Amino acid sequence: MRALDAALTRQLDAELEPHALQVFPTSRPAFRGLGLATATAARLLRQCLDAGLTPRWSASNPVTQRLAVRLGYRPAGVCEVLYRR
């Protein structure tokens, strides 16, 4: 298992921009529903906890919200996220 670091994140393609948190209907359909997001997010959360960090989750859409609940997060409020196009 390899930790997510700057070199690995540079391999993400432009399809995942601006911040890899949006849901794109055409992105990697063959890999959807396999539990990859859950496994990856769980590993990241474990790394945060092992490093003494308090992980937070920003669920910007229903898909991310369901993933957050599967990972044990509970709703704590709503915030509005703005970004420039």
PDB file of N, CA and C in Angstrom:
ATOM      1  N   MET A   1       0.846  -1.166   0.000  1.00  0.00           N
ATOM      2  CA  MET A   1       0.000   0.000   0.000  1.00  0.00           C
ATOM      3  C   MET A   1       0.894   1.232   0.000  1.00  0.00           C
ATOM      4  N   ARG A   2       0.540   2.199  -0.811  1.00  0.00           N
ATOM      5  CA  ARG A   2       1.339   3.415  -0.931  1.00  0.00           C
ATOM      6  C   ARG A   2       0.541   4.613  -0.421  1.00  0.00           C
ATOM      7  N   ALA A   3       1.170   5.450   0.377  1.00  0.00           N
ATOM      8  CA  ALA A   3       0.510   6.651   0.890  1.00  0.00           C
ATOM      9  C   ALA A   3       0.306   7.651  -0.244  1.00  0.00           C
ATOM     10  N   LEU A   4      -0.804   8.363  -0.191  1.00  0.00           N
ATOM     11  CA  LEU A   4      -1.075   9.413  -1.164  1.00  0.00           C
ATOM     12  C   LEU A   4      -0.162  10.585  -0.854  1.00  0.00           C
ATOM     13  N   ASP A   5       0.688  10.936  -1.819  1.00  0.00           N
ATOM     14  CA  ASP A   5       1.616  12.039  -1.625  1.00  0.00           C
ATOM     15  C   ASP A   5       1.559  12.952  -2.851  1.00  0.00           C
ATOM     16  N   ALA A   6       2.355  14.001  -2.849  1.00  0.00           N
ATOM     17  CA  ALA A   6       2.317  14.986  -3.936  1.00  0.00           C
ATOM     18  C   ALA A   6       2.641  14.354  -5.284  1.00  0.00           C
ATOM     19  N   ALA A   7       3.604  13.454  -5.332  1.00  0.00           N
ATOM     20  CA  ALA A   7       3.977  12.826  -6.599  1.00  0.00           C
ATOM     21  C   ALA A   7       2.826  11.988  -7.153  1.00  0.00           C
ATOM     22  N   LEU A   8       2.139  11.285  -6.273  1.00  0.00           N
ATOM     23  CA  LEU A   8       1.020  10.455  -6.715  1.00  0.00           C
ATOM     24  C   LEU A   8      -0.166  11.310  -7.157  1.00  0.00           C
ATOM     25  N   THR A   9      -0.424  12.402  -6.453  1.00  0.00           N
ATOM     26  CA  THR A   9      -1.553  13.253  -6.839  1.00  0.00           C
ATOM     27  C   THR A   9      -1.313  13.936  -8.183  1.00  0.00           C
ATOM     28  N   ARG A  10      -0.063  14.152  -8.559  1.00  0.00           N
ATOM     29  CA  ARG A  10       0.215  14.752  -9.874  1.00  0.00           C
ATOM     30  C   ARG A  10      -0.176  13.822 -11.014  1.00  0.00           C
ATOM     31  N   GLN A  11      -0.386  12.551 -10.721  1.00  0.00           N
ATOM     32  CA  GLN A  11      -0.784  11.593 -11.749  1.00  0.00           C
ATOM     33  C   GLN A  11      -2.283  11.632 -12.036  1.00  0.00           C
ATOM     34  N   LEU A  12      -3.044  12.340 -11.196  1.00  0.00           N
ATOM     35  CA  LEU A  12      -4.473  12.480 -11.456  1.00  0.00           C
ATOM     36  C   LEU A  12      -4.664  13.275 -12.740  1.00  0.00           C
ATOM     37  N   ASP A  13      -5.599  12.863 -13.545  1.00  0.00           N
ATOM     38  CA  ASP A  13      -5.751  13.568 -14.816  1.00  0.00           C
ATOM     39  C   ASP A  13      -6.708  14.745 -14.708  1.00  0.00           C
ATOM     40  N   ALA A  14      -6.734  15.565 -15.732  1.00  0.00           N
ATOM     41  CA  ALA A  14      -7.515  16.801 -15.740  1.00  0.00           C
ATOM     42  C   ALA A  14      -9.009  16.526 -15.586  1.00  0.00           C
ATOM     43  N   GLU A  15      -9.446  15.317 -15.875  1.00  0.00           N
ATOM     44  CA  GLU A  15     -10.860  14.972 -15.754  1.00  0.00           C
ATOM     45  C   GLU A  15     -11.346  15.103 -14.305  1.00  0.00           C
ATOM     46  N   LEU A  16     -10.440  15.047 -13.353  1.00  0.00           N
ATOM     47  CA  LEU A  16     -10.806  15.122 -11.945  1.00  0.00           C
ATOM     48  C   LEU A  16     -10.684  16.525 -11.372  1.00  0.00           C
ATOM     49  N   GLU A  17     -10.318  17.506 -12.180  1.00  0.00           N
ATOM     50  CA  GLU A  17     -10.203  18.875 -11.705  1.00  0.00           C
ATOM     51  C   GLU A  17     -11.588  19.509 -11.628  1.00  0.00           C
ATOM     52  N   PRO A  18     -11.866  20.537 -10.847  1.00  0.00           N
ATOM     53  CA  PRO A  18     -10.898  21.367 -10.163  1.00  0.00           C
ATOM     54  C   PRO A  18     -10.404  20.793  -8.845  1.00  0.00           C
ATOM     55  N   HIS A  19     -11.165  19.928  -8.176  1.00  0.00           N
ATOM     56  CA  HIS A  19     -10.679  19.465  -6.882  1.00  0.00           C
ATOM     57  C   HIS A  19     -11.048  18.014  -6.594  1.00  0.00           C
ATOM     58  N   ALA A  20     -11.377  17.239  -7.605  1.00  0.00           N
ATOM     59  CA  ALA A  20     -11.623  15.803  -7.494  1.00  0.00           C
ATOM     60  C   ALA A  20     -12.779  15.453  -6.569  1.00  0.00           C
ATOM     61  N   LEU A  21     -13.638  16.398  -6.249  1.00  0.00           N
ATOM     62  CA  LEU A  21     -14.751  16.099  -5.352  1.00  0.00           C
ATOM     63  C   LEU A  21     -16.108  16.128  -6.056  1.00  0.00           C
ATOM     64  N   GLN A  22     -16.124  16.517  -7.279  1.00  0.00           N
ATOM     65  CA  GLN A  22     -17.383  16.570  -7.999  1.00  0.00           C
ATOM     66  C   GLN A  22     -17.706  15.194  -8.584  1.00  0.00           C
ATOM     67  N   VAL A  23     -18.951  14.989  -8.935  1.00  0.00           N
ATOM     68  CA  VAL A  23     -19.358  13.729  -9.561  1.00  0.00           C
ATOM     69  C   VAL A  23     -19.536  13.995 -11.048  1.00  0.00           C
ATOM     70  N   PHE A  24     -18.734  13.338 -11.863  1.00  0.00           N
ATOM     71  CA  PHE A  24     -18.812  13.477 -13.300  1.00  0.00           C
ATOM     72  C   PHE A  24     -19.427  12.211 -13.867  1.00  0.00           C
ATOM     73  N   PRO A  25     -20.569  12.297 -14.549  1.00  0.00           N
ATOM     74  CA  PRO A  25     -21.248  11.095 -15.025  1.00  0.00           C
ATOM     75  C   PRO A  25     -20.425  10.271 -16.013  1.00  0.00           C
ATOM     76  N   THR A  26     -19.441  10.852 -16.662  1.00  0.00           N
ATOM     77  CA  THR A  26     -18.658  10.107 -17.645  1.00  0.00           C
ATOM     78  C   THR A  26     -17.330   9.610 -17.100  1.00  0.00           C
ATOM     79  N   SER A  27     -17.038   9.883 -15.825  1.00  0.00           N
ATOM     80  CA  SER A  27     -15.730   9.507 -15.269  1.00  0.00           C
ATOM     81  C   SER A  27     -15.692   8.051 -14.834  1.00  0.00           C
ATOM     82  N   ARG A  28     -14.870   7.285 -15.477  1.00  0.00           N
ATOM     83  CA  ARG A  28     -14.554   5.923 -15.077  1.00  0.00           C
ATOM     84  C   ARG A  28     -15.761   5.055 -14.739  1.00  0.00           C
ATOM     85  N   PRO A  29     -16.759   4.951 -15.625  1.00  0.00           N
ATOM     86  CA  PRO A  29     -17.969   4.171 -15.301  1.00  0.00           C
ATOM     87  C   PRO A  29     -17.675   2.704 -14.980  1.00  0.00           C
ATOM     88  N   ALA A  30     -16.647   2.130 -15.555  1.00  0.00           N
ATOM     89  CA  ALA A  30     -16.333   0.721 -15.304  1.00  0.00           C
ATOM     90  C   ALA A  30     -15.885   0.470 -13.863  1.00  0.00           C
ATOM     91  N   PHE A  31     -15.470   1.523 -13.161  1.00  0.00           N
ATOM     92  CA  PHE A  31     -14.958   1.358 -11.803  1.00  0.00           C
ATOM     93  C   PHE A  31     -15.952   1.755 -10.728  1.00  0.00           C
ATOM     94  N   ARG A  32     -17.141   2.228 -11.136  1.00  0.00           N
ATOM     95  CA  ARG A  32     -18.133   2.641 -10.145  1.00  0.00           C
ATOM     96  C   ARG A  32     -18.759   1.442  -9.454  1.00  0.00           C
ATOM     97  N   GLY A  33     -19.083   1.609  -8.187  1.00  0.00           N
ATOM     98  CA  GLY A  33     -19.797   0.575  -7.452  1.00  0.00           C
ATOM     99  C   GLY A  33     -18.930  -0.576  -6.956  1.00  0.00           C
ATOM    100  N   LEU A  34     -17.620  -0.443  -7.034  1.00  0.00           N
ATOM    101  CA  LEU A  34     -16.721  -1.511  -6.612  1.00  0.00           C
ATOM    102  C   LEU A  34     -16.165  -1.310  -5.209  1.00  0.00           C
ATOM    103  N   GLY A  35     -16.537  -0.200  -4.575  1.00  0.00           N
ATOM    104  CA  GLY A  35     -16.044   0.075  -3.229  1.00  0.00           C
ATOM    105  C   GLY A  35     -14.680   0.737  -3.188  1.00  0.00           C
ATOM    106  N   LEU A  36     -14.199   1.187  -4.350  1.00  0.00           N
ATOM    107  CA  LEU A  36     -12.868   1.802  -4.395  1.00  0.00           C
ATOM    108  C   LEU A  36     -12.814   3.113  -3.610  1.00  0.00           C
ATOM    109  N   ALA A  37     -13.855   3.926  -3.719  1.00  0.00           N
ATOM    110  CA  ALA A  37     -13.873   5.196  -2.974  1.00  0.00           C
ATOM    111  C   ALA A  37     -13.900   4.942  -1.478  1.00  0.00           C
ATOM    112  N   THR A  38     -14.692   3.958  -1.058  1.00  0.00           N
ATOM    113  CA  THR A  38     -14.766   3.638   0.365  1.00  0.00           C
ATOM    114  C   THR A  38     -13.422   3.148   0.885  1.00  0.00           C
ATOM    115  N   ALA A  39     -12.795   2.248   0.150  1.00  0.00           N
ATOM    116  CA  ALA A  39     -11.498   1.714   0.575  1.00  0.00           C
ATOM    117  C   ALA A  39     -10.436   2.802   0.611  1.00  0.00           C
ATOM    118  N   THR A  40     -10.412   3.654  -0.404  1.00  0.00           N
ATOM    119  CA  THR A  40      -9.421   4.724  -0.475  1.00  0.00           C
ATOM    120  C   THR A  40      -9.635   5.743   0.641  1.00  0.00           C
ATOM    121  N   ALA A  41     -10.889   6.156   0.837  1.00  0.00           N
ATOM    122  CA  ALA A  41     -11.187   7.141   1.882  1.00  0.00           C
ATOM    123  C   ALA A  41     -10.906   6.570   3.266  1.00  0.00           C
ATOM    124  N   ALA A  42     -11.228   5.297   3.481  1.00  0.00           N
ATOM    125  CA  ALA A  42     -10.960   4.678   4.783  1.00  0.00           C
ATOM    126  C   ALA A  42      -9.461   4.659   5.068  1.00  0.00           C
ATOM    127  N   ARG A  43      -8.667   4.360   4.052  1.00  0.00           N
ATOM    128  CA  ARG A  43      -7.207   4.347   4.219  1.00  0.00           C
ATOM    129  C   ARG A  43      -6.686   5.749   4.537  1.00  0.00           C
ATOM    130  N   LEU A  44      -7.207   6.752   3.838  1.00  0.00           N
ATOM    131  CA  LEU A  44      -6.797   8.136   4.097  1.00  0.00           C
ATOM    132  C   LEU A  44      -7.169   8.547   5.525  1.00  0.00           C
ATOM    133  N   LEU A  45      -8.362   8.184   5.960  1.00  0.00           N
ATOM    134  CA  LEU A  45      -8.782   8.508   7.322  1.00  0.00           C
ATOM    135  C   LEU A  45      -7.875   7.833   8.347  1.00  0.00           C
ATOM    136  N   ARG A  46      -7.511   6.582   8.088  1.00  0.00           N
ATOM    137  CA  ARG A  46      -6.610   5.861   8.995  1.00  0.00           C
ATOM    138  C   ARG A  46      -5.259   6.570   9.066  1.00  0.00           C
ATOM    139  N   GLN A  47      -4.737   7.019   7.910  1.00  0.00           N
ATOM    140  CA  GLN A  47      -3.464   7.749   7.895  1.00  0.00           C
ATOM    141  C   GLN A  47      -3.573   9.037   8.706  1.00  0.00           C
ATOM    142  N   CYS A  48      -4.693   9.742   8.578  1.00  0.00           N
ATOM    143  CA  CYS A  48      -4.894  10.972   9.355  1.00  0.00           C
ATOM    144  C   CYS A  48      -4.888  10.667  10.838  1.00  0.00           C
ATOM    145  N   LEU A  49      -5.649   9.656  11.248  1.00  0.00           N
ATOM    146  CA  LEU A  49      -5.724   9.312  12.662  1.00  0.00           C
ATOM    147  C   LEU A  49      -4.368   8.861  13.200  1.00  0.00           C
ATOM    148  N   ASP A  50      -3.652   8.070  12.413  1.00  0.00           N
ATOM    149  CA  ASP A  50      -2.320   7.612  12.833  1.00  0.00           C
ATOM    150  C   ASP A  50      -1.342   8.775  13.001  1.00  0.00           C
ATOM    151  N   ALA A  51      -1.572   9.843  12.224  1.00  0.00           N
ATOM    152  CA  ALA A  51      -0.698  11.016  12.290  1.00  0.00           C
ATOM    153  C   ALA A  51      -1.165  12.032  13.336  1.00  0.00           C
ATOM    154  N   GLY A  52      -2.223  11.678  14.075  1.00  0.00           N
ATOM    155  CA  GLY A  52      -2.726  12.581  15.097  1.00  0.00           C
ATOM    156  C   GLY A  52      -3.586  13.708  14.563  1.00  0.00           C
ATOM    157  N   LEU A  53      -4.075  13.577  13.341  1.00  0.00           N
ATOM    158  CA  LEU A  53      -4.921  14.601  12.727  1.00  0.00           C
ATOM    159  C   LEU A  53      -6.390  14.257  12.945  1.00  0.00           C
ATOM    160  N   THR A  54      -7.238  15.265  12.960  1.00  0.00           N
ATOM    161  CA  THR A  54      -8.674  15.051  13.053  1.00  0.00           C
ATOM    162  C   THR A  54      -9.268  15.197  11.660  1.00  0.00           C
ATOM    163  N   PRO A  55      -9.680  14.097  11.046  1.00  0.00           N
ATOM    164  CA  PRO A  55     -10.227  14.196   9.690  1.00  0.00           C
ATOM    165  C   PRO A  55     -11.609  14.835   9.678  1.00  0.00           C
ATOM    166  N   ARG A  56     -11.870  15.606   8.668  1.00  0.00           N
ATOM    167  CA  ARG A  56     -13.181  16.241   8.442  1.00  0.00           C
ATOM    168  C   ARG A  56     -13.641  15.852   7.050  1.00  0.00           C
ATOM    169  N   TRP A  57     -14.928  15.853   6.821  1.00  0.00           N
ATOM    170  CA  TRP A  57     -15.467  15.464   5.516  1.00  0.00           C
ATOM    171  C   TRP A  57     -16.374  16.559   5.015  1.00  0.00           C
ATOM    172  N   SER A  58     -16.173  17.006   3.790  1.00  0.00           N
ATOM    173  CA  SER A  58     -17.044  17.985   3.155  1.00  0.00           C
ATOM    174  C   SER A  58     -17.820  17.256   2.068  1.00  0.00           C
ATOM    175  N   ALA A  59     -19.075  16.971   2.338  1.00  0.00           N
ATOM    176  CA  ALA A  59     -19.901  16.206   1.407  1.00  0.00           C
ATOM    177  C   ALA A  59     -20.673  17.163   0.507  1.00  0.00           C
ATOM    178  N   SER A  60     -20.143  17.405  -0.675  1.00  0.00           N
ATOM    179  CA  SER A  60     -20.709  18.420  -1.561  1.00  0.00           C
ATOM    180  C   SER A  60     -21.828  17.917  -2.457  1.00  0.00           C
ATOM    181  N   ASN A  61     -22.123  16.628  -2.424  1.00  0.00           N
ATOM    182  CA  ASN A  61     -23.188  16.084  -3.270  1.00  0.00           C
ATOM    183  C   ASN A  61     -23.706  14.797  -2.624  1.00  0.00           C
ATOM    184  N   PRO A  62     -24.838  14.277  -3.084  1.00  0.00           N
ATOM    185  CA  PRO A  62     -25.427  13.083  -2.458  1.00  0.00           C
ATOM    186  C   PRO A  62     -24.504  11.858  -2.472  1.00  0.00           C
ATOM    187  N   VAL A  63     -23.705  11.685  -3.503  1.00  0.00           N
ATOM    188  CA  VAL A  63     -22.790  10.540  -3.571  1.00  0.00           C
ATOM    189  C   VAL A  63     -21.752  10.631  -2.464  1.00  0.00           C
ATOM    190  N   THR A  64     -21.176  11.810  -2.280  1.00  0.00           N
ATOM    191  CA  THR A  64     -20.169  12.005  -1.235  1.00  0.00           C
ATOM    192  C   THR A  64     -20.801  11.911   0.145  1.00  0.00           C
ATOM    193  N   GLN A  65     -22.035  12.358   0.262  1.00  0.00           N
ATOM    194  CA  GLN A  65     -22.732  12.270   1.541  1.00  0.00           C
ATOM    195  C   GLN A  65     -22.931  10.804   1.943  1.00  0.00           C
ATOM    196  N   ARG A  66     -23.330   9.958   1.003  1.00  0.00           N
ATOM    197  CA  ARG A  66     -23.504   8.524   1.294  1.00  0.00           C
ATOM    198  C   ARG A  66     -22.168   7.886   1.683  1.00  0.00           C
ATOM    199  N   LEU A  67     -21.107   8.259   0.993  1.00  0.00           N
ATOM    200  CA  LEU A  67     -19.788   7.727   1.321  1.00  0.00           C
ATOM    201  C   LEU A  67     -19.385   8.147   2.733  1.00  0.00           C
ATOM    202  N   ALA A  68     -19.620   9.401   3.077  1.00  0.00           N
ATOM    203  CA  ALA A  68     -19.272   9.888   4.409  1.00  0.00           C
ATOM    204  C   ALA A  68     -20.011   9.102   5.493  1.00  0.00           C
ATOM    205  N   VAL A  69     -21.278   8.821   5.274  1.00  0.00           N
ATOM    206  CA  VAL A  69     -22.055   8.050   6.252  1.00  0.00           C
ATOM    207  C   VAL A  69     -21.492   6.636   6.376  1.00  0.00           C
ATOM    208  N   ARG A  70     -21.119   6.015   5.242  1.00  0.00           N
ATOM    209  CA  ARG A  70     -20.520   4.671   5.293  1.00  0.00           C
ATOM    210  C   ARG A  70     -19.216   4.664   6.092  1.00  0.00           C
ATOM    211  N   LEU A  71     -18.510   5.783   6.083  1.00  0.00           N
ATOM    212  CA  LEU A  71     -17.241   5.893   6.799  1.00  0.00           C
ATOM    213  C   LEU A  71     -17.428   6.262   8.274  1.00  0.00           C
ATOM    214  N   GLY A  72     -18.673   6.503   8.677  1.00  0.00           N
ATOM    215  CA  GLY A  72     -18.943   6.789  10.078  1.00  0.00           C
ATOM    216  C   GLY A  72     -19.180   8.251  10.411  1.00  0.00           C
ATOM    217  N   TYR A  73     -19.136   9.119   9.422  1.00  0.00           N
ATOM    218  CA  TYR A  73     -19.400  10.530   9.673  1.00  0.00           C
ATOM    219  C   TYR A  73     -20.884  10.750   9.884  1.00  0.00           C
ATOM    220  N   ARG A  74     -21.214  11.779  10.643  1.00  0.00           N
ATOM    221  CA  ARG A  74     -22.590  12.180  10.876  1.00  0.00           C
ATOM    222  C   ARG A  74     -22.718  13.642  10.493  1.00  0.00           C
ATOM    223  N   PRO A  75     -23.872  14.032   9.924  1.00  0.00           N
ATOM    224  CA  PRO A  75     -24.049  15.440   9.530  1.00  0.00           C
ATOM    225  C   PRO A  75     -23.832  16.378  10.712  1.00  0.00           C
ATOM    226  N   ALA A  76     -23.104  17.459  10.451  1.00  0.00           N
ATOM    227  CA  ALA A  76     -22.811  18.429  11.506  1.00  0.00           C
ATOM    228  C   ALA A  76     -23.193  19.839  11.090  1.00  0.00           C
ATOM    229  N   GLY A  77     -23.804  19.991   9.955  1.00  0.00           N
ATOM    230  CA  GLY A  77     -24.182  21.315   9.492  1.00  0.00           C
ATOM    231  C   GLY A  77     -23.987  21.433   7.994  1.00  0.00           C
ATOM    232  N   VAL A  78     -24.308  22.573   7.485  1.00  0.00           N
ATOM    233  CA  VAL A  78     -24.222  22.823   6.048  1.00  0.00           C
ATOM    234  C   VAL A  78     -23.338  24.040   5.822  1.00  0.00           C
ATOM    235  N   CYS A  79     -22.494  23.977   4.804  1.00  0.00           N
ATOM    236  CA  CYS A  79     -21.710  25.146   4.422  1.00  0.00           C
ATOM    237  C   CYS A  79     -21.812  25.310   2.918  1.00  0.00           C
ATOM    238  N   GLU A  80     -21.664  26.513   2.460  1.00  0.00           N
ATOM    239  CA  GLU A  80     -21.717  26.807   1.040  1.00  0.00           C
ATOM    240  C   GLU A  80     -20.290  26.939   0.523  1.00  0.00           C
ATOM    241  N   VAL A  81     -19.981  26.204  -0.537  1.00  0.00           N
ATOM    242  CA  VAL A  81     -18.650  26.235  -1.122  1.00  0.00           C
ATOM    243  C   VAL A  81     -18.729  26.991  -2.448  1.00  0.00           C
ATOM    244  N   LEU A  82     -17.911  27.994  -2.591  1.00  0.00           N
ATOM    245  CA  LEU A  82     -17.869  28.797  -3.811  1.00  0.00           C
ATOM    246  C   LEU A  82     -16.524  28.630  -4.485  1.00  0.00           C
ATOM    247  N   TYR A  83     -16.524  28.562  -5.794  1.00  0.00           N
ATOM    248  CA  TYR A  83     -15.261  28.555  -6.535  1.00  0.00           C
ATOM    249  C   TYR A  83     -15.470  29.276  -7.853  1.00  0.00           C
ATOM    250  N   ARG A  84     -14.406  29.847  -8.334  1.00  0.00           N
ATOM    251  CA  ARG A  84     -14.443  30.634  -9.551  1.00  0.00           C
ATOM    252  C   ARG A  84     -14.180  29.740 -10.756  1.00  0.00           C
ATOM    253  N   ARG A  85     -14.937  29.914 -11.800  1.00  0.00           N
ATOM    254  CA  ARG A  85     -14.727  29.154 -13.047  1.00  0.00           C
ATOM    255  C   ARG A  85     -13.740  29.842 -13.937  1.00  0.00           C
TER     256      ARG A  85
END
